[in-house]
PDBML (XML) file of the C-alpha atoms, coordinates in Angstrom:
<?xml version="1.0" encoding="UTF-8" ?>
<PDBx:datablock datablockName="MODEL"
   xmlns:PDBx="http://pdbml.pdb.org/schema/pdbx-v50.xsd"
   xmlns:xsi="http://www.w3.org/2001/XMLSchema-instance"
   xsi:schemaLocation="http://pdbml.pdb.org/schema/pdbx-v50.xsd pdbx-v50.xsd">
   <PDBx:atom_siteCategory>
      <PDBx:atom_site id="1">
         <PDBx:B_iso_or_equiv>0.00</PDBx:B_iso_or_equiv>
         <PDBx:Cartn_x>126.974</PDBx:Cartn_x>
         <PDBx:Cartn_y>132.831</PDBx:Cartn_y>
         <PDBx:Cartn_z>62.263</PDBx:Cartn_z>
         <PDBx:auth_asym_id>A</PDBx:auth_asym_id>
         <PDBx:auth_atom_id>CA</PDBx:auth_atom_id>
         <PDBx:auth_comp_id>ILE</PDBx:auth_comp_id>
         <PDBx:auth_seq_id>1</PDBx:auth_seq_id>
         <PDBx:group_PDB>ATOM</PDBx:group_PDB>
         <PDBx:label_alt_id xsi:nil="true" />
         <PDBx:label_asym_id>A</PDBx:label_asym_id>
         <PDBx:label_atom_id>CA</PDBx:label_atom_id>
         <PDBx:label_comp_id>ILE</PDBx:label_comp_id>
         <PDBx:label_entity_id>1</PDBx:label_entity_id>
         <PDBx:label_seq_id>1</PDBx:label_seq_id>
         <PDBx:occupancy>1.00</PDBx:occupancy>
         <PDBx:pdbx_PDB_model_num>1</PDBx:pdbx_PDB_model_num>
         <PDBx:type_symbol>C</PDBx:type_symbol>
      </PDBx:atom_site>
      <PDBx:atom_site id="2">
         <PDBx:B_iso_or_equiv>0.00</PDBx:B_iso_or_equiv>
         <PDBx:Cartn_x>130.183</PDBx:Cartn_x>
         <PDBx:Cartn_y>132.193</PDBx:Cartn_y>
         <PDBx:Cartn_z>60.254</PDBx:Cartn_z>
         <PDBx:auth_asym_id>A</PDBx:auth_asym_id>
         <PDBx:auth_atom_id>CA</PDBx:auth_atom_id>
         <PDBx:auth_comp_id>SER</PDBx:auth_comp_id>
         <PDBx:auth_seq_id>2</PDBx:auth_seq_id>
         <PDBx:group_PDB>ATOM</PDBx:group_PDB>
         <PDBx:label_alt_id xsi:nil="true" />
         <PDBx:label_asym_id>A</PDBx:label_asym_id>
         <PDBx:label_atom_id>CA</PDBx:label_atom_id>
         <PDBx:label_comp_id>SER</PDBx:label_comp_id>
         <PDBx:label_entity_id>1</PDBx:label_entity_id>
         <PDBx:label_seq_id>2</PDBx:label_seq_id>
         <PDBx:occupancy>1.00</PDBx:occupancy>
         <PDBx:pdbx_PDB_model_num>1</PDBx:pdbx_PDB_model_num>
         <PDBx:type_symbol>C</PDBx:type_symbol>
      </PDBx:atom_site>
      <PDBx:atom_site id="3">
         <PDBx:B_iso_or_equiv>0.00</PDBx:B_iso_or_equiv>
         <PDBx:Cartn_x>133.655</PDBx:Cartn_x>
         <PDBx:Cartn_y>133.002</PDBx:Cartn_y>
         <PDBx:Cartn_z>61.404</PDBx:Cartn_z>
         <PDBx:auth_asym_id>A</PDBx:auth_asym_id>
         <PDBx:auth_atom_id>CA</PDBx:auth_atom_id>
         <PDBx:auth_comp_id>ILE</PDBx:auth_comp_id>
         <PDBx:auth_seq_id>3</PDBx:auth_seq_id>
         <PDBx:group_PDB>ATOM</PDBx:group_PDB>
         <PDBx:label_alt_id xsi:nil="true" />
         <PDBx:label_asym_id>A</PDBx:label_asym_id>
         <PDBx:label_atom_id>CA</PDBx:label_atom_id>
         <PDBx:label_comp_id>ILE</PDBx:label_comp_id>
         <PDBx:label_entity_id>1</PDBx:label_entity_id>
         <PDBx:label_seq_id>3</PDBx:label_seq_id>
         <PDBx:occupancy>1.00</PDBx:occupancy>
         <PDBx:pdbx_PDB_model_num>1</PDBx:pdbx_PDB_model_num>
         <PDBx:type_symbol>C</PDBx:type_symbol>
      </PDBx:atom_site>
      <PDBx:atom_site id="4">
         <PDBx:B_iso_or_equiv>0.00</PDBx:B_iso_or_equiv>
         <PDBx:Cartn_x>136.918</PDBx:Cartn_x>
         <PDBx:Cartn_y>132.226</PDBx:Cartn_y>
         <PDBx:Cartn_z>59.467</PDBx:Cartn_z>
         <PDBx:auth_asym_id>A</PDBx:auth_asym_id>
         <PDBx:auth_atom_id>CA</PDBx:auth_atom_id>
         <PDBx:auth_comp_id>ASP</PDBx:auth_comp_id>
         <PDBx:auth_seq_id>4</PDBx:auth_seq_id>
         <PDBx:group_PDB>ATOM</PDBx:group_PDB>
         <PDBx:label_alt_id xsi:nil="true" />
         <PDBx:label_asym_id>A</PDBx:label_asym_id>
         <PDBx:label_atom_id>CA</PDBx:label_atom_id>
         <PDBx:label_comp_id>ASP</PDBx:label_comp_id>
         <PDBx:label_entity_id>1</PDBx:label_entity_id>
         <PDBx:label_seq_id>4</PDBx:label_seq_id>
         <PDBx:occupancy>1.00</PDBx:occupancy>
         <PDBx:pdbx_PDB_model_num>1</PDBx:pdbx_PDB_model_num>
         <PDBx:type_symbol>C</PDBx:type_symbol>
      </PDBx:atom_site>
      <PDBx:atom_site id="5">
         <PDBx:B_iso_or_equiv>0.00</PDBx:B_iso_or_equiv>
         <PDBx:Cartn_x>140.105</PDBx:Cartn_x>
         <PDBx:Cartn_y>132.669</PDBx:Cartn_y>
         <PDBx:Cartn_z>61.578</PDBx:Cartn_z>
         <PDBx:auth_asym_id>A</PDBx:auth_asym_id>
         <PDBx:auth_atom_id>CA</PDBx:auth_atom_id>
         <PDBx:auth_comp_id>THR</PDBx:auth_comp_id>
         <PDBx:auth_seq_id>5</PDBx:auth_seq_id>
         <PDBx:group_PDB>ATOM</PDBx:group_PDB>
         <PDBx:label_alt_id xsi:nil="true" />
         <PDBx:label_asym_id>A</PDBx:label_asym_id>
         <PDBx:label_atom_id>CA</PDBx:label_atom_id>
         <PDBx:label_comp_id>THR</PDBx:label_comp_id>
         <PDBx:label_entity_id>1</PDBx:label_entity_id>
         <PDBx:label_seq_id>5</PDBx:label_seq_id>
         <PDBx:occupancy>1.00</PDBx:occupancy>
         <PDBx:pdbx_PDB_model_num>1</PDBx:pdbx_PDB_model_num>
         <PDBx:type_symbol>C</PDBx:type_symbol>
      </PDBx:atom_site>
      <PDBx:atom_site id="6">
         <PDBx:B_iso_or_equiv>0.00</PDBx:B_iso_or_equiv>
         <PDBx:Cartn_x>143.122</PDBx:Cartn_x>
         <PDBx:Cartn_y>131.673</PDBx:Cartn_y>
         <PDBx:Cartn_z>62.636</PDBx:Cartn_z>
         <PDBx:auth_asym_id>A</PDBx:auth_asym_id>
         <PDBx:auth_atom_id>CA</PDBx:auth_atom_id>
         <PDBx:auth_comp_id>GLY</PDBx:auth_comp_id>
         <PDBx:auth_seq_id>6</PDBx:auth_seq_id>
         <PDBx:group_PDB>ATOM</PDBx:group_PDB>
         <PDBx:label_alt_id xsi:nil="true" />
         <PDBx:label_asym_id>A</PDBx:label_asym_id>
         <PDBx:label_atom_id>CA</PDBx:label_atom_id>
         <PDBx:label_comp_id>GLY</PDBx:label_comp_id>
         <PDBx:label_entity_id>1</PDBx:label_entity_id>
         <PDBx:label_seq_id>6</PDBx:label_seq_id>
         <PDBx:occupancy>1.00</PDBx:occupancy>
         <PDBx:pdbx_PDB_model_num>1</PDBx:pdbx_PDB_model_num>
         <PDBx:type_symbol>C</PDBx:type_symbol>
      </PDBx:atom_site>
      <PDBx:atom_site id="7">
         <PDBx:B_iso_or_equiv>0.00</PDBx:B_iso_or_equiv>
         <PDBx:Cartn_x>142.776</PDBx:Cartn_x>
         <PDBx:Cartn_y>131.659</PDBx:Cartn_y>
         <PDBx:Cartn_z>66.493</PDBx:Cartn_z>
         <PDBx:auth_asym_id>A</PDBx:auth_asym_id>
         <PDBx:auth_atom_id>CA</PDBx:auth_atom_id>
         <PDBx:auth_comp_id>ASN</PDBx:auth_comp_id>
         <PDBx:auth_seq_id>7</PDBx:auth_seq_id>
         <PDBx:group_PDB>ATOM</PDBx:group_PDB>
         <PDBx:label_alt_id xsi:nil="true" />
         <PDBx:label_asym_id>A</PDBx:label_asym_id>
         <PDBx:label_atom_id>CA</PDBx:label_atom_id>
         <PDBx:label_comp_id>ASN</PDBx:label_comp_id>
         <PDBx:label_entity_id>1</PDBx:label_entity_id>
         <PDBx:label_seq_id>7</PDBx:label_seq_id>
         <PDBx:occupancy>1.00</PDBx:occupancy>
         <PDBx:pdbx_PDB_model_num>1</PDBx:pdbx_PDB_model_num>
         <PDBx:type_symbol>C</PDBx:type_symbol>
      </PDBx:atom_site>
      <PDBx:atom_site id="8">
         <PDBx:B_iso_or_equiv>0.00</PDBx:B_iso_or_equiv>
         <PDBx:Cartn_x>139.888</PDBx:Cartn_x>
         <PDBx:Cartn_y>132.572</PDBx:Cartn_y>
         <PDBx:Cartn_z>68.205</PDBx:Cartn_z>
         <PDBx:auth_asym_id>A</PDBx:auth_asym_id>
         <PDBx:auth_atom_id>CA</PDBx:auth_atom_id>
         <PDBx:auth_comp_id>MET</PDBx:auth_comp_id>
         <PDBx:auth_seq_id>8</PDBx:auth_seq_id>
         <PDBx:group_PDB>ATOM</PDBx:group_PDB>
         <PDBx:label_alt_id xsi:nil="true" />
         <PDBx:label_asym_id>A</PDBx:label_asym_id>
         <PDBx:label_atom_id>CA</PDBx:label_atom_id>
         <PDBx:label_comp_id>MET</PDBx:label_comp_id>
         <PDBx:label_entity_id>1</PDBx:label_entity_id>
         <PDBx:label_seq_id>8</PDBx:label_seq_id>
         <PDBx:occupancy>1.00</PDBx:occupancy>
         <PDBx:pdbx_PDB_model_num>1</PDBx:pdbx_PDB_model_num>
         <PDBx:type_symbol>C</PDBx:type_symbol>
      </PDBx:atom_site>
      <PDBx:atom_site id="9">
         <PDBx:B_iso_or_equiv>0.00</PDBx:B_iso_or_equiv>
         <PDBx:Cartn_x>139.064</PDBx:Cartn_x>
         <PDBx:Cartn_y>133.106</PDBx:Cartn_y>
         <PDBx:Cartn_z>72.063</PDBx:Cartn_z>
         <PDBx:auth_asym_id>A</PDBx:auth_asym_id>
         <PDBx:auth_atom_id>CA</PDBx:auth_atom_id>
         <PDBx:auth_comp_id>SER</PDBx:auth_comp_id>
         <PDBx:auth_seq_id>9</PDBx:auth_seq_id>
         <PDBx:group_PDB>ATOM</PDBx:group_PDB>
         <PDBx:label_alt_id xsi:nil="true" />
         <PDBx:label_asym_id>A</PDBx:label_asym_id>
         <PDBx:label_atom_id>CA</PDBx:label_atom_id>
         <PDBx:label_comp_id>SER</PDBx:label_comp_id>
         <PDBx:label_entity_id>1</PDBx:label_entity_id>
         <PDBx:label_seq_id>9</PDBx:label_seq_id>
         <PDBx:occupancy>1.00</PDBx:occupancy>
         <PDBx:pdbx_PDB_model_num>1</PDBx:pdbx_PDB_model_num>
         <PDBx:type_symbol>C</PDBx:type_symbol>
      </PDBx:atom_site>
      <PDBx:atom_site id="10">
         <PDBx:B_iso_or_equiv>0.00</PDBx:B_iso_or_equiv>
         <PDBx:Cartn_x>135.706</PDBx:Cartn_x>
         <PDBx:Cartn_y>133.374</PDBx:Cartn_y>
         <PDBx:Cartn_z>73.664</PDBx:Cartn_z>
         <PDBx:auth_asym_id>A</PDBx:auth_asym_id>
         <PDBx:auth_atom_id>CA</PDBx:auth_atom_id>
         <PDBx:auth_comp_id>VAL</PDBx:auth_comp_id>
         <PDBx:auth_seq_id>10</PDBx:auth_seq_id>
         <PDBx:group_PDB>ATOM</PDBx:group_PDB>
         <PDBx:label_alt_id xsi:nil="true" />
         <PDBx:label_asym_id>A</PDBx:label_asym_id>
         <PDBx:label_atom_id>CA</PDBx:label_atom_id>
         <PDBx:label_comp_id>VAL</PDBx:label_comp_id>
         <PDBx:label_entity_id>1</PDBx:label_entity_id>
         <PDBx:label_seq_id>10</PDBx:label_seq_id>
         <PDBx:occupancy>1.00</PDBx:occupancy>
         <PDBx:pdbx_PDB_model_num>1</PDBx:pdbx_PDB_model_num>
         <PDBx:type_symbol>C</PDBx:type_symbol>
      </PDBx:atom_site>
      <PDBx:atom_site id="11">
         <PDBx:B_iso_or_equiv>0.00</PDBx:B_iso_or_equiv>
         <PDBx:Cartn_x>136.618</PDBx:Cartn_x>
         <PDBx:Cartn_y>134.309</PDBx:Cartn_y>
         <PDBx:Cartn_z>77.121</PDBx:Cartn_z>
         <PDBx:auth_asym_id>A</PDBx:auth_asym_id>
         <PDBx:auth_atom_id>CA</PDBx:auth_atom_id>
         <PDBx:auth_comp_id>ILE</PDBx:auth_comp_id>
         <PDBx:auth_seq_id>11</PDBx:auth_seq_id>
         <PDBx:group_PDB>ATOM</PDBx:group_PDB>
         <PDBx:label_alt_id xsi:nil="true" />
         <PDBx:label_asym_id>A</PDBx:label_asym_id>
         <PDBx:label_atom_id>CA</PDBx:label_atom_id>
         <PDBx:label_comp_id>ILE</PDBx:label_comp_id>
         <PDBx:label_entity_id>1</PDBx:label_entity_id>
         <PDBx:label_seq_id>11</PDBx:label_seq_id>
         <PDBx:occupancy>1.00</PDBx:occupancy>
         <PDBx:pdbx_PDB_model_num>1</PDBx:pdbx_PDB_model_num>
         <PDBx:type_symbol>C</PDBx:type_symbol>
      </PDBx:atom_site>
      <PDBx:atom_site id="12">
         <PDBx:B_iso_or_equiv>0.00</PDBx:B_iso_or_equiv>
         <PDBx:Cartn_x>133.949</PDBx:Cartn_x>
         <PDBx:Cartn_y>135.694</PDBx:Cartn_y>
         <PDBx:Cartn_z>79.467</PDBx:Cartn_z>
         <PDBx:auth_asym_id>A</PDBx:auth_asym_id>
         <PDBx:auth_atom_id>CA</PDBx:auth_atom_id>
         <PDBx:auth_comp_id>ASN</PDBx:auth_comp_id>
         <PDBx:auth_seq_id>12</PDBx:auth_seq_id>
         <PDBx:group_PDB>ATOM</PDBx:group_PDB>
         <PDBx:label_alt_id xsi:nil="true" />
         <PDBx:label_asym_id>A</PDBx:label_asym_id>
         <PDBx:label_atom_id>CA</PDBx:label_atom_id>
         <PDBx:label_comp_id>ASN</PDBx:label_comp_id>
         <PDBx:label_entity_id>1</PDBx:label_entity_id>
         <PDBx:label_seq_id>12</PDBx:label_seq_id>
         <PDBx:occupancy>1.00</PDBx:occupancy>
         <PDBx:pdbx_PDB_model_num>1</PDBx:pdbx_PDB_model_num>
         <PDBx:type_symbol>C</PDBx:type_symbol>
      </PDBx:atom_site>
      <PDBx:atom_site id="13">
         <PDBx:B_iso_or_equiv>0.00</PDBx:B_iso_or_equiv>
         <PDBx:Cartn_x>131.694</PDBx:Cartn_x>
         <PDBx:Cartn_y>136.156</PDBx:Cartn_y>
         <PDBx:Cartn_z>76.684</PDBx:Cartn_z>
         <PDBx:auth_asym_id>A</PDBx:auth_asym_id>
         <PDBx:auth_atom_id>CA</PDBx:auth_atom_id>
         <PDBx:auth_comp_id>SER</PDBx:auth_comp_id>
         <PDBx:auth_seq_id>13</PDBx:auth_seq_id>
         <PDBx:group_PDB>ATOM</PDBx:group_PDB>
         <PDBx:label_alt_id xsi:nil="true" />
         <PDBx:label_asym_id>A</PDBx:label_asym_id>
         <PDBx:label_atom_id>CA</PDBx:label_atom_id>
         <PDBx:label_comp_id>SER</PDBx:label_comp_id>
         <PDBx:label_entity_id>1</PDBx:label_entity_id>
         <PDBx:label_seq_id>13</PDBx:label_seq_id>
         <PDBx:occupancy>1.00</PDBx:occupancy>
         <PDBx:pdbx_PDB_model_num>1</PDBx:pdbx_PDB_model_num>
         <PDBx:type_symbol>C</PDBx:type_symbol>
      </PDBx:atom_site>
      <PDBx:atom_site id="14">
         <PDBx:B_iso_or_equiv>0.00</PDBx:B_iso_or_equiv>
         <PDBx:Cartn_x>129.327</PDBx:Cartn_x>
         <PDBx:Cartn_y>134.300</PDBx:Cartn_y>
         <PDBx:Cartn_z>74.476</PDBx:Cartn_z>
         <PDBx:auth_asym_id>A</PDBx:auth_asym_id>
         <PDBx:auth_atom_id>CA</PDBx:auth_atom_id>
         <PDBx:auth_comp_id>GLN</PDBx:auth_comp_id>
         <PDBx:auth_seq_id>14</PDBx:auth_seq_id>
         <PDBx:group_PDB>ATOM</PDBx:group_PDB>
         <PDBx:label_alt_id xsi:nil="true" />
         <PDBx:label_asym_id>A</PDBx:label_asym_id>
         <PDBx:label_atom_id>CA</PDBx:label_atom_id>
         <PDBx:label_comp_id>GLN</PDBx:label_comp_id>
         <PDBx:label_entity_id>1</PDBx:label_entity_id>
         <PDBx:label_seq_id>14</PDBx:label_seq_id>
         <PDBx:occupancy>1.00</PDBx:occupancy>
         <PDBx:pdbx_PDB_model_num>1</PDBx:pdbx_PDB_model_num>
         <PDBx:type_symbol>C</PDBx:type_symbol>
      </PDBx:atom_site>
      <PDBx:atom_site id="15">
         <PDBx:B_iso_or_equiv>0.00</PDBx:B_iso_or_equiv>
         <PDBx:Cartn_x>128.575</PDBx:Cartn_x>
         <PDBx:Cartn_y>133.900</PDBx:Cartn_y>
         <PDBx:Cartn_z>70.899</PDBx:Cartn_z>
         <PDBx:auth_asym_id>A</PDBx:auth_asym_id>
         <PDBx:auth_atom_id>CA</PDBx:auth_atom_id>
         <PDBx:auth_comp_id>ILE</PDBx:auth_comp_id>
         <PDBx:auth_seq_id>15</PDBx:auth_seq_id>
         <PDBx:group_PDB>ATOM</PDBx:group_PDB>
         <PDBx:label_alt_id xsi:nil="true" />
         <PDBx:label_asym_id>A</PDBx:label_asym_id>
         <PDBx:label_atom_id>CA</PDBx:label_atom_id>
         <PDBx:label_comp_id>ILE</PDBx:label_comp_id>
         <PDBx:label_entity_id>1</PDBx:label_entity_id>
         <PDBx:label_seq_id>15</PDBx:label_seq_id>
         <PDBx:occupancy>1.00</PDBx:occupancy>
         <PDBx:pdbx_PDB_model_num>1</PDBx:pdbx_PDB_model_num>
         <PDBx:type_symbol>C</PDBx:type_symbol>
      </PDBx:atom_site>
      <PDBx:atom_site id="16">
         <PDBx:B_iso_or_equiv>0.00</PDBx:B_iso_or_equiv>
         <PDBx:Cartn_x>124.941</PDBx:Cartn_x>
         <PDBx:Cartn_y>132.609</PDBx:Cartn_y>
         <PDBx:Cartn_z>69.863</PDBx:Cartn_z>
         <PDBx:auth_asym_id>A</PDBx:auth_asym_id>
         <PDBx:auth_atom_id>CA</PDBx:auth_atom_id>
         <PDBx:auth_comp_id>GLY</PDBx:auth_comp_id>
         <PDBx:auth_seq_id>16</PDBx:auth_seq_id>
         <PDBx:group_PDB>ATOM</PDBx:group_PDB>
         <PDBx:label_alt_id xsi:nil="true" />
         <PDBx:label_asym_id>A</PDBx:label_asym_id>
         <PDBx:label_atom_id>CA</PDBx:label_atom_id>
         <PDBx:label_comp_id>GLY</PDBx:label_comp_id>
         <PDBx:label_entity_id>1</PDBx:label_entity_id>
         <PDBx:label_seq_id>16</PDBx:label_seq_id>
         <PDBx:occupancy>1.00</PDBx:occupancy>
         <PDBx:pdbx_PDB_model_num>1</PDBx:pdbx_PDB_model_num>
         <PDBx:type_symbol>C</PDBx:type_symbol>
      </PDBx:atom_site>
      <PDBx:atom_site id="17">
         <PDBx:B_iso_or_equiv>0.00</PDBx:B_iso_or_equiv>
         <PDBx:Cartn_x>122.024</PDBx:Cartn_x>
         <PDBx:Cartn_y>132.435</PDBx:Cartn_y>
         <PDBx:Cartn_z>67.608</PDBx:Cartn_z>
         <PDBx:auth_asym_id>A</PDBx:auth_asym_id>
         <PDBx:auth_atom_id>CA</PDBx:auth_atom_id>
         <PDBx:auth_comp_id>SER</PDBx:auth_comp_id>
         <PDBx:auth_seq_id>17</PDBx:auth_seq_id>
         <PDBx:group_PDB>ATOM</PDBx:group_PDB>
         <PDBx:label_alt_id xsi:nil="true" />
         <PDBx:label_asym_id>A</PDBx:label_asym_id>
         <PDBx:label_atom_id>CA</PDBx:label_atom_id>
         <PDBx:label_comp_id>SER</PDBx:label_comp_id>
         <PDBx:label_entity_id>1</PDBx:label_entity_id>
         <PDBx:label_seq_id>17</PDBx:label_seq_id>
         <PDBx:occupancy>1.00</PDBx:occupancy>
         <PDBx:pdbx_PDB_model_num>1</PDBx:pdbx_PDB_model_num>
         <PDBx:type_symbol>C</PDBx:type_symbol>
      </PDBx:atom_site>
      <PDBx:atom_site id="18">
         <PDBx:B_iso_or_equiv>0.00</PDBx:B_iso_or_equiv>
         <PDBx:Cartn_x>119.095</PDBx:Cartn_x>
         <PDBx:Cartn_y>132.305</PDBx:Cartn_y>
         <PDBx:Cartn_z>70.098</PDBx:Cartn_z>
         <PDBx:auth_asym_id>A</PDBx:auth_asym_id>
         <PDBx:auth_atom_id>CA</PDBx:auth_atom_id>
         <PDBx:auth_comp_id>ILE</PDBx:auth_comp_id>
         <PDBx:auth_seq_id>18</PDBx:auth_seq_id>
         <PDBx:group_PDB>ATOM</PDBx:group_PDB>
         <PDBx:label_alt_id xsi:nil="true" />
         <PDBx:label_asym_id>A</PDBx:label_asym_id>
         <PDBx:label_atom_id>CA</PDBx:label_atom_id>
         <PDBx:label_comp_id>ILE</PDBx:label_comp_id>
         <PDBx:label_entity_id>1</PDBx:label_entity_id>
         <PDBx:label_seq_id>18</PDBx:label_seq_id>
         <PDBx:occupancy>1.00</PDBx:occupancy>
         <PDBx:pdbx_PDB_model_num>1</PDBx:pdbx_PDB_model_num>
         <PDBx:type_symbol>C</PDBx:type_symbol>
      </PDBx:atom_site>
      <PDBx:atom_site id="19">
         <PDBx:B_iso_or_equiv>0.00</PDBx:B_iso_or_equiv>
         <PDBx:Cartn_x>115.660</PDBx:Cartn_x>
         <PDBx:Cartn_y>132.144</PDBx:Cartn_y>
         <PDBx:Cartn_z>69.492</PDBx:Cartn_z>
         <PDBx:auth_asym_id>A</PDBx:auth_asym_id>
         <PDBx:auth_atom_id>CA</PDBx:auth_atom_id>
         <PDBx:auth_comp_id>THR</PDBx:auth_comp_id>
         <PDBx:auth_seq_id>19</PDBx:auth_seq_id>
         <PDBx:group_PDB>ATOM</PDBx:group_PDB>
         <PDBx:label_alt_id xsi:nil="true" />
         <PDBx:label_asym_id>A</PDBx:label_asym_id>
         <PDBx:label_atom_id>CA</PDBx:label_atom_id>
         <PDBx:label_comp_id>THR</PDBx:label_comp_id>
         <PDBx:label_entity_id>1</PDBx:label_entity_id>
         <PDBx:label_seq_id>19</PDBx:label_seq_id>
         <PDBx:occupancy>1.00</PDBx:occupancy>
         <PDBx:pdbx_PDB_model_num>1</PDBx:pdbx_PDB_model_num>
         <PDBx:type_symbol>C</PDBx:type_symbol>
      </PDBx:atom_site>
      <PDBx:atom_site id="20">
         <PDBx:B_iso_or_equiv>0.00</PDBx:B_iso_or_equiv>
         <PDBx:Cartn_x>113.754</PDBx:Cartn_x>
         <PDBx:Cartn_y>133.635</PDBx:Cartn_y>
         <PDBx:Cartn_z>72.743</PDBx:Cartn_z>
         <PDBx:auth_asym_id>A</PDBx:auth_asym_id>
         <PDBx:auth_atom_id>CA</PDBx:auth_atom_id>
         <PDBx:auth_comp_id>PHE</PDBx:auth_comp_id>
         <PDBx:auth_seq_id>20</PDBx:auth_seq_id>
         <PDBx:group_PDB>ATOM</PDBx:group_PDB>
         <PDBx:label_alt_id xsi:nil="true" />
         <PDBx:label_asym_id>A</PDBx:label_asym_id>
         <PDBx:label_atom_id>CA</PDBx:label_atom_id>
         <PDBx:label_comp_id>PHE</PDBx:label_comp_id>
         <PDBx:label_entity_id>1</PDBx:label_entity_id>
         <PDBx:label_seq_id>20</PDBx:label_seq_id>
         <PDBx:occupancy>1.00</PDBx:occupancy>
         <PDBx:pdbx_PDB_model_num>1</PDBx:pdbx_PDB_model_num>
         <PDBx:type_symbol>C</PDBx:type_symbol>
      </PDBx:atom_site>
      <PDBx:atom_site id="21">
         <PDBx:B_iso_or_equiv>0.00</PDBx:B_iso_or_equiv>
         <PDBx:Cartn_x>110.246</PDBx:Cartn_x>
         <PDBx:Cartn_y>133.237</PDBx:Cartn_y>
         <PDBx:Cartn_z>70.688</PDBx:Cartn_z>
         <PDBx:auth_asym_id>A</PDBx:auth_asym_id>
         <PDBx:auth_atom_id>CA</PDBx:auth_atom_id>
         <PDBx:auth_comp_id>ALA</PDBx:auth_comp_id>
         <PDBx:auth_seq_id>21</PDBx:auth_seq_id>
         <PDBx:group_PDB>ATOM</PDBx:group_PDB>
         <PDBx:label_alt_id xsi:nil="true" />
         <PDBx:label_asym_id>A</PDBx:label_asym_id>
         <PDBx:label_atom_id>CA</PDBx:label_atom_id>
         <PDBx:label_comp_id>ALA</PDBx:label_comp_id>
         <PDBx:label_entity_id>1</PDBx:label_entity_id>
         <PDBx:label_seq_id>21</PDBx:label_seq_id>
         <PDBx:occupancy>1.00</PDBx:occupancy>
         <PDBx:pdbx_PDB_model_num>1</PDBx:pdbx_PDB_model_num>
         <PDBx:type_symbol>C</PDBx:type_symbol>
      </PDBx:atom_site>
      <PDBx:atom_site id="22">
         <PDBx:B_iso_or_equiv>0.00</PDBx:B_iso_or_equiv>
         <PDBx:Cartn_x>108.841</PDBx:Cartn_x>
         <PDBx:Cartn_y>131.265</PDBx:Cartn_y>
         <PDBx:Cartn_z>67.818</PDBx:Cartn_z>
         <PDBx:auth_asym_id>A</PDBx:auth_asym_id>
         <PDBx:auth_atom_id>CA</PDBx:auth_atom_id>
         <PDBx:auth_comp_id>ARG</PDBx:auth_comp_id>
         <PDBx:auth_seq_id>22</PDBx:auth_seq_id>
         <PDBx:group_PDB>ATOM</PDBx:group_PDB>
         <PDBx:label_alt_id xsi:nil="true" />
         <PDBx:label_asym_id>A</PDBx:label_asym_id>
         <PDBx:label_atom_id>CA</PDBx:label_atom_id>
         <PDBx:label_comp_id>ARG</PDBx:label_comp_id>
         <PDBx:label_entity_id>1</PDBx:label_entity_id>
         <PDBx:label_seq_id>22</PDBx:label_seq_id>
         <PDBx:occupancy>1.00</PDBx:occupancy>
         <PDBx:pdbx_PDB_model_num>1</PDBx:pdbx_PDB_model_num>
         <PDBx:type_symbol>C</PDBx:type_symbol>
      </PDBx:atom_site>
      <PDBx:atom_site id="23">
         <PDBx:B_iso_or_equiv>0.00</PDBx:B_iso_or_equiv>
         <PDBx:Cartn_x>111.225</PDBx:Cartn_x>
         <PDBx:Cartn_y>130.387</PDBx:Cartn_y>
         <PDBx:Cartn_z>65.426</PDBx:Cartn_z>
         <PDBx:auth_asym_id>A</PDBx:auth_asym_id>
         <PDBx:auth_atom_id>CA</PDBx:auth_atom_id>
         <PDBx:auth_comp_id>GLY</PDBx:auth_comp_id>
         <PDBx:auth_seq_id>23</PDBx:auth_seq_id>
         <PDBx:group_PDB>ATOM</PDBx:group_PDB>
         <PDBx:label_alt_id xsi:nil="true" />
         <PDBx:label_asym_id>A</PDBx:label_asym_id>
         <PDBx:label_atom_id>CA</PDBx:label_atom_id>
         <PDBx:label_comp_id>GLY</PDBx:label_comp_id>
         <PDBx:label_entity_id>1</PDBx:label_entity_id>
         <PDBx:label_seq_id>23</PDBx:label_seq_id>
         <PDBx:occupancy>1.00</PDBx:occupancy>
         <PDBx:pdbx_PDB_model_num>1</PDBx:pdbx_PDB_model_num>
         <PDBx:type_symbol>C</PDBx:type_symbol>
      </PDBx:atom_site>
      <PDBx:atom_site id="24">
         <PDBx:B_iso_or_equiv>0.00</PDBx:B_iso_or_equiv>
         <PDBx:Cartn_x>114.404</PDBx:Cartn_x>
         <PDBx:Cartn_y>128.561</PDBx:Cartn_y>
         <PDBx:Cartn_z>64.836</PDBx:Cartn_z>
         <PDBx:auth_asym_id>A</PDBx:auth_asym_id>
         <PDBx:auth_atom_id>CA</PDBx:auth_atom_id>
         <PDBx:auth_comp_id>ASN</PDBx:auth_comp_id>
         <PDBx:auth_seq_id>24</PDBx:auth_seq_id>
         <PDBx:group_PDB>ATOM</PDBx:group_PDB>
         <PDBx:label_alt_id xsi:nil="true" />
         <PDBx:label_asym_id>A</PDBx:label_asym_id>
         <PDBx:label_atom_id>CA</PDBx:label_atom_id>
         <PDBx:label_comp_id>ASN</PDBx:label_comp_id>
         <PDBx:label_entity_id>1</PDBx:label_entity_id>
         <PDBx:label_seq_id>24</PDBx:label_seq_id>
         <PDBx:occupancy>1.00</PDBx:occupancy>
         <PDBx:pdbx_PDB_model_num>1</PDBx:pdbx_PDB_model_num>
         <PDBx:type_symbol>C</PDBx:type_symbol>
      </PDBx:atom_site>
   </PDBx:atom_siteCategory>
</PDBx:datablock>
């Protein structure tokens, strides 16, 4: 995930790159 911005708000939320099984 790549984000280019002026301002960023992550309020009551999530940004993720997650593995739930086999992998990175």
